Amino acid sequence: MPRTIPLGPVAPHLARIRDMARATGVDLAEAQREGRLQQPEWSEAVTRCRGCQIVPDCDRFRAEPVDAPRRAPRGCRNVHMMERLAWD
């Protein structure tokens, strides 16, 4: 039987995913306005983040100053979405 991973609270993970987007050079609001990020994909991204197992790595990444866009940390469950939005 697959192991169930509990989801974290919504608010801190919303902050994490928004910070991750900024750090990777993604403007989430612009992506939504332009139709590059649809509501179902956004909802799935937040849920993926809530089930993340690398929260300490993410928080360290978020604490670093952002001088230029950089790649999300290894193991980020939304790295592919962030990369697609950064390069679209």
PDB file of N, CA and C in Angstrom:
ATOM      1  N   MET A   1       0.841  -1.171   0.000  1.00  0.00           N
ATOM      2  CA  MET A   1       0.000   0.000   0.000  1.00  0.00           C
ATOM      3  C   MET A   1       0.898   1.250   0.000  1.00  0.00           C
ATOM      4  N   PRO A   2       0.599   2.241  -0.870  1.00  0.00           N
ATOM      5  CA  PRO A   2       1.413   3.460  -0.910  1.00  0.00           C
ATOM      6  C   PRO A   2       1.303   4.250   0.393  1.00  0.00           C
ATOM      7  N   ARG A   3       2.413   4.879   0.745  1.00  0.00           N
ATOM      8  CA  ARG A   3       2.442   5.696   1.954  1.00  0.00           C
ATOM      9  C   ARG A   3       1.775   7.040   1.676  1.00  0.00           C
ATOM     10  N   THR A   4       0.899   7.467   2.545  1.00  0.00           N
ATOM     11  CA  THR A   4       0.224   8.750   2.403  1.00  0.00           C
ATOM     12  C   THR A   4       1.090   9.837   3.033  1.00  0.00           C
ATOM     13  N   ILE A   5       1.314  10.896   2.299  1.00  0.00           N
ATOM     14  CA  ILE A   5       2.094  12.019   2.799  1.00  0.00           C
ATOM     15  C   ILE A   5       1.119  13.120   3.180  1.00  0.00           C
ATOM     16  N   PRO A   6       1.147  13.545   4.442  1.00  0.00           N
ATOM     17  CA  PRO A   6       0.226  14.615   4.846  1.00  0.00           C
ATOM     18  C   PRO A   6       0.603  15.932   4.176  1.00  0.00           C
ATOM     19  N   LEU A   7      -0.403  16.714   3.850  1.00  0.00           N
ATOM     20  CA  LEU A   7      -0.165  18.011   3.226  1.00  0.00           C
ATOM     21  C   LEU A   7       0.050  19.070   4.295  1.00  0.00           C
ATOM     22  N   GLY A   8       0.974  19.977   4.037  1.00  0.00           N
ATOM     23  CA  GLY A   8       1.224  21.075   4.959  1.00  0.00           C
ATOM     24  C   GLY A   8       0.143  22.129   4.839  1.00  0.00           C
ATOM     25  N   PRO A   9       0.141  23.085   5.759  1.00  0.00           N
ATOM     26  CA  PRO A   9      -0.856  24.157   5.720  1.00  0.00           C
ATOM     27  C   PRO A   9      -0.705  25.022   4.470  1.00  0.00           C
ATOM     28  N   VAL A  10      -1.808  25.539   3.986  1.00  0.00           N
ATOM     29  CA  VAL A  10      -1.826  26.267   2.716  1.00  0.00           C
ATOM     30  C   VAL A  10      -0.991  27.544   2.758  1.00  0.00           C
ATOM     31  N   ALA A  11      -1.202  28.414   3.726  1.00  0.00           N
ATOM     32  CA  ALA A  11      -0.578  29.749   3.728  1.00  0.00           C
ATOM     33  C   ALA A  11       0.951  29.712   3.630  1.00  0.00           C
ATOM     34  N   PRO A  12       1.662  28.915   4.447  1.00  0.00           N
ATOM     35  CA  PRO A  12       3.119  28.924   4.313  1.00  0.00           C
ATOM     36  C   PRO A  12       3.599  28.390   2.966  1.00  0.00           C
ATOM     37  N   HIS A  13       2.852  27.455   2.396  1.00  0.00           N
ATOM     38  CA  HIS A  13       3.263  26.908   1.098  1.00  0.00           C
ATOM     39  C   HIS A  13       2.951  27.880  -0.035  1.00  0.00           C
ATOM     40  N   LEU A  14       1.901  28.668   0.099  1.00  0.00           N
ATOM     41  CA  LEU A  14       1.656  29.734  -0.883  1.00  0.00           C
ATOM     42  C   LEU A  14       2.824  30.708  -0.874  1.00  0.00           C
ATOM     43  N   ALA A  15       3.287  31.073   0.317  1.00  0.00           N
ATOM     44  CA  ALA A  15       4.440  31.976   0.422  1.00  0.00           C
ATOM     45  C   ALA A  15       5.672  31.325  -0.198  1.00  0.00           C
ATOM     46  N   ARG A  16       5.873  30.044   0.062  1.00  0.00           N
ATOM     47  CA  ARG A  16       7.042  29.350  -0.502  1.00  0.00           C
ATOM     48  C   ARG A  16       7.013  29.357  -2.025  1.00  0.00           C
ATOM     49  N   ILE A  17       5.869  29.026  -2.600  1.00  0.00           N
ATOM     50  CA  ILE A  17       5.807  28.923  -4.056  1.00  0.00           C
ATOM     51  C   ILE A  17       5.932  30.305  -4.699  1.00  0.00           C
ATOM     52  N   ARG A  18       5.397  31.336  -4.066  1.00  0.00           N
ATOM     53  CA  ARG A  18       5.555  32.694  -4.603  1.00  0.00           C
ATOM     54  C   ARG A  18       7.014  33.135  -4.534  1.00  0.00           C
ATOM     55  N   ASP A  19       7.669  32.863  -3.404  1.00  0.00           N
ATOM     56  CA  ASP A  19       9.092  33.204  -3.273  1.00  0.00           C
ATOM     57  C   ASP A  19       9.936  32.413  -4.269  1.00  0.00           C
ATOM     58  N   MET A  20       9.597  31.151  -4.449  1.00  0.00           N
ATOM     59  CA  MET A  20      10.334  30.302  -5.391  1.00  0.00           C
ATOM     60  C   MET A  20      10.193  30.873  -6.804  1.00  0.00           C
ATOM     61  N   ALA A  21       8.997  31.309  -7.153  1.00  0.00           N
ATOM     62  CA  ALA A  21       8.776  31.895  -8.474  1.00  0.00           C
ATOM     63  C   ALA A  21       9.639  33.139  -8.653  1.00  0.00           C
ATOM     64  N   ARG A  22       9.629  34.033  -7.675  1.00  0.00           N
ATOM     65  CA  ARG A  22      10.450  35.247  -7.761  1.00  0.00           C
ATOM     66  C   ARG A  22      11.925  34.896  -7.921  1.00  0.00           C
ATOM     67  N   ALA A  23      12.395  33.939  -7.138  1.00  0.00           N
ATOM     68  CA  ALA A  23      13.813  33.562  -7.167  1.00  0.00           C
ATOM     69  C   ALA A  23      14.217  32.936  -8.501  1.00  0.00           C
ATOM     70  N   THR A  24      13.261  32.299  -9.174  1.00  0.00           N
ATOM     71  CA  THR A  24      13.564  31.652 -10.451  1.00  0.00           C
ATOM     72  C   THR A  24      13.226  32.550 -11.647  1.00  0.00           C
ATOM     73  N   GLY A  25      12.811  33.794 -11.363  1.00  0.00           N
ATOM     74  CA  GLY A  25      12.534  34.741 -12.437  1.00  0.00           C
ATOM     75  C   GLY A  25      11.155  34.625 -13.040  1.00  0.00           C
ATOM     76  N   VAL A  26      10.216  34.039 -12.306  1.00  0.00           N
ATOM     77  CA  VAL A  26       8.860  33.848 -12.814  1.00  0.00           C
ATOM     78  C   VAL A  26       7.925  34.866 -12.172  1.00  0.00           C
ATOM     79  N   ASP A  27       7.152  35.558 -12.998  1.00  0.00           N
ATOM     80  CA  ASP A  27       6.109  36.456 -12.528  1.00  0.00           C
ATOM     81  C   ASP A  27       4.790  35.687 -12.653  1.00  0.00           C
ATOM     82  N   LEU A  28       4.313  35.158 -11.525  1.00  0.00           N
ATOM     83  CA  LEU A  28       3.114  34.310 -11.545  1.00  0.00           C
ATOM     84  C   LEU A  28       1.882  35.071 -12.032  1.00  0.00           C
ATOM     85  N   ALA A  29       1.720  36.317 -11.599  1.00  0.00           N
ATOM     86  CA  ALA A  29       0.546  37.098 -12.011  1.00  0.00           C
ATOM     87  C   ALA A  29       0.559  37.321 -13.521  1.00  0.00           C
ATOM     88  N   GLU A  30       1.721  37.647 -14.052  1.00  0.00           N
ATOM     89  CA  GLU A  30       1.845  37.849 -15.500  1.00  0.00           C
ATOM     90  C   GLU A  30       1.556  36.544 -16.252  1.00  0.00           C
ATOM     91  N   ALA A  31       2.091  35.439 -15.750  1.00  0.00           N
ATOM     92  CA  ALA A  31       1.859  34.142 -16.391  1.00  0.00           C
ATOM     93  C   ALA A  31       0.372  33.804 -16.401  1.00  0.00           C
ATOM     94  N   GLN A  32      -0.328  34.144 -15.331  1.00  0.00           N
ATOM     95  CA  GLN A  32      -1.769  33.893 -15.290  1.00  0.00           C
ATOM     96  C   GLN A  32      -2.505  34.812 -16.257  1.00  0.00           C
ATOM     97  N   ARG A  33      -2.158  36.092 -16.269  1.00  0.00           N
ATOM     98  CA  ARG A  33      -2.803  37.050 -17.188  1.00  0.00           C
ATOM     99  C   ARG A  33      -2.610  36.647 -18.644  1.00  0.00           C
ATOM    100  N   GLU A  34      -1.422  36.148 -18.953  1.00  0.00           N
ATOM    101  CA  GLU A  34      -1.107  35.775 -20.341  1.00  0.00           C
ATOM    102  C   GLU A  34      -1.628  34.391 -20.713  1.00  0.00           C
ATOM    103  N   GLY A  35      -2.213  33.689 -19.759  1.00  0.00           N
ATOM    104  CA  GLY A  35      -2.756  32.361 -20.040  1.00  0.00           C
ATOM    105  C   GLY A  35      -1.712  31.257 -20.032  1.00  0.00           C
ATOM    106  N   ARG A  36      -0.481  31.553 -19.596  1.00  0.00           N
ATOM    107  CA  ARG A  36       0.566  30.531 -19.535  1.00  0.00           C
ATOM    108  C   ARG A  36       0.460  29.683 -18.275  1.00  0.00           C
ATOM    109  N   LEU A  37      -0.303  30.170 -17.294  1.00  0.00           N
ATOM    110  CA  LEU A  37      -0.537  29.426 -16.055  1.00  0.00           C
ATOM    111  C   LEU A  37      -2.031  29.449 -15.781  1.00  0.00           C
ATOM    112  N   GLN A  38      -2.654  28.308 -15.989  1.00  0.00           N
ATOM    113  CA  GLN A  38      -4.090  28.174 -15.788  1.00  0.00           C
ATOM    114  C   GLN A  38      -4.385  27.801 -14.340  1.00  0.00           C
ATOM    115  N   GLN A  39      -5.597  28.073 -13.891  1.00  0.00           N
ATOM    116  CA  GLN A  39      -5.990  27.800 -12.504  1.00  0.00           C
ATOM    117  C   GLN A  39      -5.770  26.339 -12.091  1.00  0.00           C
ATOM    118  N   PRO A  40      -6.134  25.357 -12.917  1.00  0.00           N
ATOM    119  CA  PRO A  40      -5.892  23.965 -12.497  1.00  0.00           C
ATOM    120  C   PRO A  40      -4.410  23.670 -12.254  1.00  0.00           C
ATOM    121  N   GLU A  41      -3.531  24.200 -13.119  1.00  0.00           N
ATOM    122  CA  GLU A  41      -2.096  23.973 -12.947  1.00  0.00           C
ATOM    123  C   GLU A  41      -1.598  24.658 -11.673  1.00  0.00           C
ATOM    124  N   TRP A  42      -2.094  25.880 -11.403  1.00  0.00           N
ATOM    125  CA  TRP A  42      -1.716  26.598 -10.190  1.00  0.00           C
ATOM    126  C   TRP A  42      -2.146  25.812  -8.955  1.00  0.00           C
ATOM    127  N   SER A  43      -3.362  25.313  -8.961  1.00  0.00           N
ATOM    128  CA  SER A  43      -3.867  24.517  -7.827  1.00  0.00           C
ATOM    129  C   SER A  43      -3.018  23.269  -7.611  1.00  0.00           C
ATOM    130  N   GLU A  44      -2.661  22.602  -8.704  1.00  0.00           N
ATOM    131  CA  GLU A  44      -1.819  21.407  -8.605  1.00  0.00           C
ATOM    132  C   GLU A  44      -0.436  21.757  -8.065  1.00  0.00           C
ATOM    133  N   ALA A  45       0.103  22.912  -8.475  1.00  0.00           N
ATOM    134  CA  ALA A  45       1.424  23.332  -8.000  1.00  0.00           C
ATOM    135  C   ALA A  45       1.399  23.585  -6.498  1.00  0.00           C
ATOM    136  N   VAL A  46       0.355  24.236  -6.018  1.00  0.00           N
ATOM    137  CA  VAL A  46       0.239  24.497  -4.581  1.00  0.00           C
ATOM    138  C   VAL A  46       0.111  23.178  -3.827  1.00  0.00           C
ATOM    139  N   THR A  47      -0.665  22.256  -4.349  1.00  0.00           N
ATOM    140  CA  THR A  47      -0.810  20.952  -3.689  1.00  0.00           C
ATOM    141  C   THR A  47       0.509  20.199  -3.683  1.00  0.00           C
ATOM    142  N   ARG A  48       1.249  20.240  -4.801  1.00  0.00           N
ATOM    143  CA  ARG A  48       2.575  19.594  -4.826  1.00  0.00           C
ATOM    144  C   ARG A  48       3.478  20.199  -3.758  1.00  0.00           C
ATOM    145  N   CYS A  49       3.461  21.504  -3.658  1.00  0.00           N
ATOM    146  CA  CYS A  49       4.296  22.189  -2.670  1.00  0.00           C
ATOM    147  C   CYS A  49       3.888  21.761  -1.252  1.00  0.00           C
ATOM    148  N   ARG A  50       2.617  21.660  -1.004  1.00  0.00           N
ATOM    149  CA  ARG A  50       2.134  21.270   0.328  1.00  0.00           C
ATOM    150  C   ARG A  50       2.570  19.857   0.710  1.00  0.00           C
ATOM    151  N   GLY A  51       2.846  19.012  -0.287  1.00  0.00           N
ATOM    152  CA  GLY A  51       3.291  17.649  -0.021  1.00  0.00           C
ATOM    153  C   GLY A  51       4.801  17.491  -0.088  1.00  0.00           C
ATOM    154  N   CYS A  52       5.511  18.601  -0.196  1.00  0.00           N
ATOM    155  CA  CYS A  52       6.963  18.587  -0.361  1.00  0.00           C
ATOM    156  C   CYS A  52       7.680  18.004   0.853  1.00  0.00           C
ATOM    157  N   GLN A  53       8.759  17.288   0.568  1.00  0.00           N
ATOM    158  CA  GLN A  53       9.577  16.683   1.620  1.00  0.00           C
ATOM    159  C   GLN A  53      10.901  17.413   1.819  1.00  0.00           C
ATOM    160  N   ILE A  54      11.130  18.521   1.067  1.00  0.00           N
ATOM    161  CA  ILE A  54      12.404  19.243   1.203  1.00  0.00           C
ATOM    162  C   ILE A  54      12.180  20.666   1.729  1.00  0.00           C
ATOM    163  N   VAL A  55      11.209  20.849   2.578  1.00  0.00           N
ATOM    164  CA  VAL A  55      10.886  22.179   3.094  1.00  0.00           C
ATOM    165  C   VAL A  55      12.113  22.890   3.683  1.00  0.00           C
ATOM    166  N   PRO A  56      12.973  22.230   4.472  1.00  0.00           N
ATOM    167  CA  PRO A  56      14.148  22.945   4.986  1.00  0.00           C
ATOM    168  C   PRO A  56      15.066  23.461   3.870  1.00  0.00           C
ATOM    169  N   ASP A  57      15.261  22.668   2.812  1.00  0.00           N
ATOM    170  CA  ASP A  57      16.074  23.119   1.677  1.00  0.00           C
ATOM    171  C   ASP A  57      15.417  24.312   0.991  1.00  0.00           C
ATOM    172  N   CYS A  58      14.128  24.242   0.831  1.00  0.00           N
ATOM    173  CA  CYS A  58      13.371  25.324   0.201  1.00  0.00           C
ATOM    174  C   CYS A  58      13.507  26.599   1.031  1.00  0.00           C
ATOM    175  N   ASP A  59      13.351  26.483   2.333  1.00  0.00           N
ATOM    176  CA  ASP A  59      13.440  27.664   3.185  1.00  0.00           C
ATOM    177  C   ASP A  59      14.838  28.272   3.169  1.00  0.00           C
ATOM    178  N   ARG A  60      15.878  27.443   3.103  1.00  0.00           N
ATOM    179  CA  ARG A  60      17.246  27.971   2.977  1.00  0.00           C
ATOM    180  C   ARG A  60      17.411  28.697   1.641  1.00  0.00           C
ATOM    181  N   PHE A  61      16.891  28.098   0.579  1.00  0.00           N
ATOM    182  CA  PHE A  61      16.950  28.697  -0.757  1.00  0.00           C
ATOM    183  C   PHE A  61      16.252  30.055  -0.747  1.00  0.00           C
ATOM    184  N   ARG A  62      15.089  30.119  -0.139  1.00  0.00           N
ATOM    185  CA  ARG A  62      14.299  31.344  -0.089  1.00  0.00           C
ATOM    186  C   ARG A  62      14.988  32.432   0.732  1.00  0.00           C
ATOM    187  N   ALA A  63      15.797  32.031   1.691  1.00  0.00           N
ATOM    188  CA  ALA A  63      16.476  32.994   2.566  1.00  0.00           C
ATOM    189  C   ALA A  63      17.671  33.659   1.875  1.00  0.00           C
ATOM    190  N   GLU A  64      18.160  33.065   0.795  1.00  0.00           N
ATOM    191  CA  GLU A  64      19.302  33.622   0.076  1.00  0.00           C
ATOM    192  C   GLU A  64      18.857  34.842  -0.723  1.00  0.00           C
ATOM    193  N   PRO A  65      19.725  35.866  -0.814  1.00  0.00           N
ATOM    194  CA  PRO A  65      19.363  37.041  -1.617  1.00  0.00           C
ATOM    195  C   PRO A  65      19.222  36.676  -3.096  1.00  0.00           C
ATOM    196  N   VAL A  66      18.305  37.340  -3.764  1.00  0.00           N
ATOM    197  CA  VAL A  66      18.060  37.080  -5.182  1.00  0.00           C
ATOM    198  C   VAL A  66      18.686  38.200  -6.004  1.00  0.00           C
ATOM    199  N   ASP A  67      19.844  37.909  -6.578  1.00  0.00           N
ATOM    200  CA  ASP A  67      20.525  38.877  -7.440  1.00  0.00           C
ATOM    201  C   ASP A  67      20.184  38.644  -8.903  1.00  0.00           C
ATOM    202  N   ALA A  68      19.910  37.382  -9.234  1.00  0.00           N
ATOM    203  CA  ALA A  68      19.562  36.998 -10.601  1.00  0.00           C
ATOM    204  C   ALA A  68      18.751  35.708 -10.515  1.00  0.00           C
ATOM    205  N   PRO A  69      17.917  35.453 -11.507  1.00  0.00           N
ATOM    206  CA  PRO A  69      17.140  34.214 -11.485  1.00  0.00           C
ATOM    207  C   PRO A  69      18.048  32.997 -11.351  1.00  0.00           C
ATOM    208  N   ARG A  70      17.587  32.033 -10.596  1.00  0.00           N
ATOM    209  CA  ARG A  70      18.355  30.804 -10.412  1.00  0.00           C
ATOM    210  C   ARG A  70      17.413  29.613 -10.411  1.00  0.00           C
ATOM    211  N   ARG A  71      17.983  28.443 -10.552  1.00  0.00           N
ATOM    212  CA  ARG A  71      17.203  27.204 -10.609  1.00  0.00           C
ATOM    213  C   ARG A  71      16.713  26.824  -9.215  1.00  0.00           C
ATOM    214  N   ALA A  72      15.501  26.328  -9.162  1.00  0.00           N
ATOM    215  CA  ALA A  72      14.930  25.860  -7.893  1.00  0.00           C
ATOM    216  C   ALA A  72      15.802  24.743  -7.322  1.00  0.00           C
ATOM    217  N   PRO A  73      15.766  24.552  -6.010  1.00  0.00           N
ATOM    218  CA  PRO A  73      16.616  23.518  -5.414  1.00  0.00           C
ATOM    219  C   PRO A  73      16.249  22.121  -5.904  1.00  0.00           C
ATOM    220  N   ARG A  74      17.244  21.273  -5.908  1.00  0.00           N
ATOM    221  CA  ARG A  74      17.047  19.876  -6.300  1.00  0.00           C
ATOM    222  C   ARG A  74      15.956  19.266  -5.428  1.00  0.00           C
ATOM    223  N   GLY A  75      15.024  18.613  -6.061  1.00  0.00           N
ATOM    224  CA  GLY A  75      13.933  17.979  -5.333  1.00  0.00           C
ATOM    225  C   GLY A  75      12.664  18.807  -5.270  1.00  0.00           C
ATOM    226  N   CYS A  76      12.723  20.059  -5.751  1.00  0.00           N
ATOM    227  CA  CYS A  76      11.514  20.888  -5.762  1.00  0.00           C
ATOM    228  C   CYS A  76      10.486  20.219  -6.666  1.00  0.00           C
ATOM    229  N   ARG A  77       9.293  20.078  -6.168  1.00  0.00           N
ATOM    230  CA  ARG A  77       8.248  19.393  -6.926  1.00  0.00           C
ATOM    231  C   ARG A  77       7.652  20.268  -8.026  1.00  0.00           C
ATOM    232  N   ASN A  78       8.039  21.542  -8.063  1.00  0.00           N
ATOM    233  CA  ASN A  78       7.520  22.453  -9.085  1.00  0.00           C
ATOM    234  C   ASN A  78       8.601  23.002 -10.003  1.00  0.00           C
ATOM    235  N   VAL A  79       9.780  22.415  -9.965  1.00  0.00           N
ATOM    236  CA  VAL A  79      10.896  22.929 -10.756  1.00  0.00           C
ATOM    237  C   VAL A  79      10.573  22.953 -12.251  1.00  0.00           C
ATOM    238  N   HIS A  80       9.909  21.952 -12.764  1.00  0.00           N
ATOM    239  CA  HIS A  80       9.615  21.902 -14.201  1.00  0.00           C
ATOM    240  C   HIS A  80       8.627  22.998 -14.594  1.00  0.00           C
ATOM    241  N   MET A  81       7.631  23.246 -13.759  1.00  0.00           N
ATOM    242  CA  MET A  81       6.677  24.309 -14.044  1.00  0.00           C
ATOM    243  C   MET A  81       7.392  25.661 -14.015  1.00  0.00           C
ATOM    244  N   MET A  82       8.239  25.876 -13.004  1.00  0.00           N
ATOM    245  CA  MET A  82       8.964  27.147 -12.901  1.00  0.00           C
ATOM    246  C   MET A  82       9.870  27.356 -14.112  1.00  0.00           C
ATOM    247  N   GLU A  83      10.560  26.324 -14.528  1.00  0.00           N
ATOM    248  CA  GLU A  83      11.446  26.450 -15.693  1.00  0.00           C
ATOM    249  C   GLU A  83      10.650  26.740 -16.955  1.00  0.00           C
ATOM    250  N   ARG A  84       9.532  26.076 -17.123  1.00  0.00           N
ATOM    251  CA  ARG A  84       8.701  26.333 -18.308  1.00  0.00           C
ATOM    252  C   ARG A  84       8.209  27.779 -18.320  1.00  0.00           C
ATOM    253  N   LEU A  85       7.735  28.256 -17.179  1.00  0.00           N
ATOM    254  CA  LEU A  85       7.215  29.631 -17.116  1.00  0.00           C
ATOM    255  C   LEU A  85       8.333  30.651 -17.279  1.00  0.00           C
ATOM    256  N   ALA A  86       9.513  30.354 -16.790  1.00  0.00           N
ATOM    257  CA  ALA A  86      10.632  31.286 -16.918  1.00  0.00           C
ATOM    258  C   ALA A  86      11.071  31.432 -18.372  1.00  0.00           C
ATOM    259  N   TRP A  87      10.910  30.372 -19.154  1.00  0.00           N
ATOM    260  CA  TRP A  87      11.415  30.389 -20.533  1.00  0.00           C
ATOM    261  C   TRP A  87      10.332  30.570 -21.575  1.00  0.00           C
ATOM    262  N   ASP A  88       9.062  30.597 -21.167  1.00  0.00           N
ATOM    263  CA  ASP A  88       7.968  30.788 -22.136  1.00  0.00           C
ATOM    264  C   ASP A  88       7.978  32.195 -22.678  1.00  0.00           C
TER     265      ASP A  88
END
